[in-house]
């Protein structure tokens, strides 16, 4: 049995992950990590059944020392995820991370730490299989239609912009697309930010609205034509298959993998 701990179990993604891990045959959910005192076990919280007697910790090192998890699933926020991932790797606990907001420097440090310790780590901006296919299709399309803009749309409680999925999509497209400036050479924004974030000449637009979960469309323009590749997650259940897969797969890794598309 794999011993799994979840950071961010109270959140909407975390709650779904708790239910998924509790149903997974080869997993024992041993602990939850929270940033504040909310009770002794998950069973005391209104969004969990009374038989979920999973202890809640507020200190990740204490959790690791007492419960000795094999895997830490992190579904927290950009303010906490880097420290959680770093501490887990330092204690030979394998992180499966769905939180975005890492800097390039932080990712480089975590890659080195994972490699040196031989401890597997998966950081996935998106766990939905459909979203992974969207990114792969977009990378292929960019070979033939290099004028591209990305519109990512999320719920209004998301803290980072652009989303990890939007940024990862742009990075993958950049692998096959030569850097170029799009639009008119004398284009001028009359309102700062109107054209979105600039990534090697591509534009990334972030939408934040209540009612949304996670959605993205990639638009490719050509002479007399428009290609749109779109993915929609209508519920957080769409991410659970990817999380369950990564919990198993991370046990076979001795390095950090960034992006689920590098595993499937």
Protein backbone atom coordinates (compact mmCIF):
# COMPACT_ATOMS: atom_id res chain seq x y z
CA UNK A 1 0.00 0.00 0.00
CA UNK A 2 1.21 3.48 -0.86
CA UNK A 3 1.01 5.92 2.01
CA UNK A 4 -0.29 9.27 0.74
CA UNK A 5 -0.69 12.68 2.38
CA UNK A 6 -2.64 15.59 0.87
CA UNK A 7 -1.82 19.28 1.34
CA UNK A 8 -4.83 21.49 0.69
CA UNK A 9 -7.45 18.85 1.49
CA UNK A 10 -10.11 21.45 2.40
CA UNK A 11 -10.11 23.11 -1.01
CA UNK A 12 -12.38 22.06 -3.86
CA UNK A 13 -9.60 20.19 -5.66
CA UNK A 14 -8.29 18.79 -2.40
CA UNK A 15 -11.70 17.50 -1.35
CA UNK A 16 -12.07 15.61 -4.63
CA UNK A 17 -8.55 14.23 -4.22
CA UNK A 18 -9.34 12.98 -0.71
CA UNK A 19 -12.38 11.05 -1.98
CA UNK A 20 -10.33 9.66 -4.90
CA UNK A 21 -7.50 8.46 -2.66
CA UNK A 22 -9.93 6.92 -0.18
CA UNK A 23 -11.38 4.81 -3.02
CA UNK A 24 -8.03 3.85 -4.57
CA UNK A 25 -7.25 0.20 -3.82
CA UNK A 26 -3.47 0.49 -3.45
CA UNK A 27 -3.45 3.71 -1.40
CA UNK A 28 -3.71 4.46 2.30
CA UNK A 29 -4.47 8.13 2.94
CA UNK A 30 -2.49 8.78 6.12
CA UNK A 31 -2.65 12.55 6.69
CA UNK A 32 -3.83 15.96 5.55
CA UNK A 33 -1.81 19.19 5.76
CA UNK A 34 -3.43 22.55 6.44
CA UNK A 35 -2.08 26.01 7.21
CA UNK A 36 -4.30 26.55 10.26
CA UNK A 37 -5.90 24.62 13.10
CA UNK A 38 -9.22 23.29 11.78
CA UNK A 39 -9.67 20.09 13.79
CA UNK A 40 -7.97 16.82 14.59
CA UNK A 41 -9.25 14.73 11.69
CA UNK A 42 -11.01 15.26 8.37
CA UNK A 43 -14.12 13.62 9.84
CA UNK A 44 -14.70 16.79 11.88
CA UNK A 45 -15.11 18.90 8.73
CA UNK A 46 -18.52 19.30 7.05
CA UNK A 47 -17.36 18.24 3.57
CA UNK A 48 -16.15 14.77 4.66
CA UNK A 49 -17.90 11.65 6.02
CA UNK A 50 -17.61 10.87 9.72
CA UNK A 51 -15.52 7.77 9.02
CA UNK A 52 -12.68 9.77 7.41
CA UNK A 53 -10.48 9.61 10.50
CA UNK A 54 -7.49 11.13 8.70
CA UNK A 55 -5.26 13.22 11.01
CA UNK A 56 -4.73 16.88 10.13
CA UNK A 57 -1.29 18.47 10.57
CA UNK A 58 -0.22 22.10 10.35
CA UNK A 59 3.53 21.35 10.16
CA UNK A 60 4.79 19.41 7.15
CA UNK A 61 7.96 18.16 8.84
CA UNK A 62 6.00 16.77 11.79
CA UNK A 63 3.60 15.11 9.35
CA UNK A 64 6.48 13.46 7.47
CA UNK A 65 8.28 12.32 10.61
CA UNK A 66 5.17 10.83 12.24
CA UNK A 67 3.21 9.42 9.27
CA UNK A 68 6.09 8.66 6.85
CA UNK A 69 4.14 9.11 3.60
CA UNK A 70 5.50 7.81 0.30
CA UNK A 71 3.74 10.55 -1.68
CA UNK A 72 2.64 14.11 -0.94
CA UNK A 73 -0.14 15.48 -3.15
CA UNK A 74 -0.01 19.28 -3.09
CA UNK A 75 -3.14 21.19 -4.10
CA UNK A 76 -2.54 24.36 -2.11
CA UNK A 77 -1.56 27.77 -3.51
CA UNK A 78 1.44 29.55 -5.06
CA UNK A 79 2.51 30.90 -1.65
CA UNK A 80 3.01 27.45 -0.08
CA UNK A 81 3.71 24.97 -2.83
CA UNK A 82 7.42 25.63 -3.34
CA UNK A 83 8.32 25.10 0.33
CA UNK A 84 6.11 22.01 0.56
CA UNK A 85 7.73 20.48 -2.52
CA UNK A 86 11.25 21.32 -1.39
CA UNK A 87 10.77 19.92 2.12
CA UNK A 88 9.16 16.75 0.75
CA UNK A 89 12.11 16.11 -1.57
CA UNK A 90 14.58 16.79 1.23
CA UNK A 91 12.85 14.02 3.22
CA UNK A 92 12.63 11.58 0.28
CA UNK A 93 8.86 11.98 -0.02
CA UNK A 94 7.67 12.04 -3.63
CA UNK A 95 5.60 15.14 -4.48
CA UNK A 96 2.69 15.10 -6.92
CA UNK A 97 1.93 18.77 -7.43
CA UNK A 98 -1.10 20.32 -9.08
CA UNK A 99 -0.49 23.82 -7.75
CA UNK A 100 0.94 26.38 -10.19
CA UNK A 101 2.95 29.56 -9.66
CA UNK A 102 6.55 28.28 -9.61
CA UNK A 103 9.28 30.59 -10.90
CA UNK A 104 11.85 29.28 -13.36
CA UNK A 105 14.47 29.50 -10.62
CA UNK A 106 12.36 27.46 -8.22
CA UNK A 107 11.72 24.78 -10.84
CA UNK A 108 15.45 24.56 -11.59
CA UNK A 109 16.27 24.16 -7.89
CA UNK A 110 13.63 21.46 -7.43
CA UNK A 111 14.83 19.60 -10.53
CA UNK A 112 18.36 19.54 -9.14
CA UNK A 113 17.17 18.46 -5.70
CA UNK A 114 15.05 15.66 -7.16
CA UNK A 115 17.88 14.44 -9.38
CA UNK A 116 20.51 14.51 -6.62
CA UNK A 117 18.30 12.67 -4.14
CA UNK A 118 16.89 10.23 -6.69
CA UNK A 119 13.40 11.09 -5.46
CA UNK A 120 10.66 11.24 -8.07
CA UNK A 121 8.52 14.35 -8.43
CA UNK A 122 5.68 15.28 -10.78
CA UNK A 123 4.55 18.88 -11.24
CA UNK A 124 1.53 19.06 -13.53
CA UNK A 125 -0.09 22.38 -14.45
CA UNK A 126 -3.12 20.33 -15.51
CA UNK A 127 -4.12 16.76 -14.62
CA UNK A 128 -6.99 16.50 -17.14
CA UNK A 129 -6.15 14.15 -20.01
CA UNK A 130 -8.16 16.30 -22.44
CA UNK A 131 -6.13 19.36 -21.51
CA UNK A 132 -2.89 17.45 -22.14
CA UNK A 133 -4.14 16.47 -25.59
CA UNK A 134 -5.11 20.11 -26.26
CA UNK A 135 -1.53 21.19 -25.53
CA UNK A 136 -0.07 18.45 -27.72
CA UNK A 137 -2.41 19.32 -30.61
CA UNK A 138 -1.53 23.01 -30.24
CA UNK A 139 2.19 22.26 -30.39
CA UNK A 140 1.66 20.34 -33.63
CA UNK A 141 -0.58 23.02 -35.16
CA UNK A 142 2.01 25.75 -34.49
CA UNK A 143 4.33 24.15 -37.06
CA UNK A 144 1.90 25.21 -39.77
CA UNK A 145 0.07 28.20 -38.25
CA UNK A 146 2.58 30.23 -36.19
CA UNK A 147 0.24 33.15 -35.45
CA UNK A 148 -1.35 32.11 -32.18
CA UNK A 149 -3.11 33.53 -29.14
CA UNK A 150 -4.13 31.71 -25.97
CA UNK A 151 -7.23 32.49 -23.92
CA UNK A 152 -7.33 30.74 -20.55
CA UNK A 153 -10.44 31.04 -18.38
CA UNK A 154 -10.74 30.11 -14.71
CA UNK A 155 -12.85 30.67 -11.60
CA UNK A 156 -12.41 34.02 -9.90
CA UNK A 157 -10.63 32.57 -6.83
CA UNK A 158 -7.54 31.55 -8.79
CA UNK A 159 -4.48 33.42 -7.53
CA UNK A 160 -2.01 33.26 -10.44
CA UNK A 161 -2.27 34.60 -13.98
CA UNK A 162 -1.61 33.40 -16.54
CA UNK A 163 -2.54 29.89 -15.49
CA UNK A 164 0.02 27.13 -15.40
CA UNK A 165 -1.79 25.48 -18.30
CA UNK A 166 -1.71 28.64 -20.39
CA UNK A 167 1.99 29.14 -19.73
CA UNK A 168 2.81 25.48 -20.34
CA UNK A 169 0.89 25.60 -23.63
CA UNK A 170 2.92 28.60 -24.74
CA UNK A 171 6.17 26.88 -23.76
CA UNK A 172 5.25 23.77 -25.75
CA UNK A 173 4.25 25.83 -28.79
CA UNK A 174 7.57 27.71 -28.58
CA UNK A 175 9.39 24.39 -29.08
CA UNK A 176 8.08 24.20 -32.66
CA UNK A 177 7.34 27.86 -33.46
CA UNK A 178 10.02 30.40 -34.32
CA UNK A 179 9.78 33.49 -32.14
CA UNK A 180 7.94 36.30 -33.94
CA UNK A 181 6.06 39.47 -33.12
CA UNK A 182 2.39 39.21 -34.03
CA UNK A 183 0.05 41.99 -35.06
CA UNK A 184 0.87 45.37 -36.60
CA UNK A 185 4.42 46.61 -36.09
CA UNK A 186 3.10 49.97 -34.86
CA UNK A 187 0.37 48.54 -32.62
CA UNK A 188 -0.12 50.53 -29.40
CA UNK A 189 -2.17 49.66 -26.34
CA UNK A 190 -4.47 52.51 -25.35
CA UNK A 191 -5.11 50.63 -22.09
CA UNK A 192 -2.13 48.81 -20.56
CA UNK A 193 -2.58 45.04 -20.71
CA UNK A 194 -5.27 45.09 -23.38
CA UNK A 195 -3.27 42.74 -25.61
CA UNK A 196 -2.46 40.29 -22.83
CA UNK A 197 0.85 38.85 -21.67
CA UNK A 198 3.62 38.56 -24.26
CA UNK A 199 5.39 35.19 -24.49
CA UNK A 200 7.85 35.16 -27.40
CA UNK A 201 5.39 37.19 -29.46
CA UNK A 202 2.38 35.05 -28.55
CA UNK A 203 -0.34 36.66 -26.46
CA UNK A 204 -1.87 34.98 -23.41
CA UNK A 205 -5.17 36.34 -22.11
CA UNK A 206 -6.50 35.47 -18.64
CA UNK A 207 -10.22 35.51 -17.83
CA UNK A 208 -11.45 35.19 -14.22
CA UNK A 209 -15.19 34.82 -13.64
CA UNK A 210 -17.51 33.09 -11.16
CA UNK A 211 -19.10 29.98 -12.61
CA UNK A 212 -15.99 28.89 -14.48
CA UNK A 213 -13.78 25.95 -13.48
CA UNK A 214 -10.89 25.58 -15.95
CA UNK A 215 -11.13 26.28 -19.67
CA UNK A 216 -8.74 27.19 -22.46
CA UNK A 217 -8.79 27.84 -26.16
CA UNK A 218 -5.82 28.23 -28.46
CA UNK A 219 -6.49 30.26 -31.60
CA UNK A 220 -4.37 29.89 -34.75
CA UNK A 221 -4.83 32.43 -37.54
CA UNK A 222 -3.93 31.97 -41.18
CA UNK A 223 -4.88 33.48 -44.51
CA UNK A 224 -8.66 33.24 -44.69
CA UNK A 225 -8.94 30.76 -41.82
CA UNK A 226 -9.01 30.28 -38.05
CA UNK A 227 -8.26 27.07 -36.15
CA UNK A 228 -9.52 26.85 -32.55
CA UNK A 229 -8.42 24.09 -30.16
CA UNK A 230 -10.43 24.15 -26.93
CA UNK A 231 -10.71 22.18 -23.71
CA UNK A 232 -13.23 22.59 -20.90
CA UNK A 233 -13.18 21.12 -17.41
CA UNK A 234 -16.73 21.41 -16.11
CA UNK A 235 -15.92 19.85 -12.75
CA UNK A 236 -12.81 19.04 -10.76
CA UNK A 237 -13.55 15.36 -11.23
CA UNK A 238 -11.87 15.77 -14.63
CA UNK A 239 -8.49 16.05 -12.87
CA UNK A 240 -8.77 13.01 -10.61
CA UNK A 241 -7.76 10.35 -13.14
CA UNK A 242 -4.53 12.21 -13.77
CA UNK A 243 -3.80 12.58 -10.06
CA UNK A 244 -4.41 8.87 -9.43
CA UNK A 245 -2.13 7.99 -12.36
CA UNK A 246 0.66 10.25 -11.07
CA UNK A 247 0.51 8.81 -7.55
CA UNK A 248 1.40 5.43 -9.05
CA UNK A 249 3.84 6.73 -11.66
CA UNK A 250 5.91 8.95 -9.34
CA UNK A 251 7.05 5.83 -7.49
CA UNK A 252 8.91 4.76 -10.64
CA UNK A 253 10.73 8.06 -11.13
CA UNK A 254 14.10 9.26 -9.84
CA UNK A 255 13.84 12.81 -11.22
CA UNK A 256 11.36 15.66 -11.63
CA UNK A 257 8.88 15.60 -14.49
CA UNK A 258 7.18 18.90 -15.35
CA UNK A 259 3.96 18.34 -17.25
CA UNK A 260 1.77 15.25 -17.51
CA UNK A 261 2.30 15.28 -21.28
CA UNK A 262 5.83 13.96 -20.62
CA UNK A 263 4.41 10.79 -19.05
CA UNK A 264 1.52 9.82 -21.32
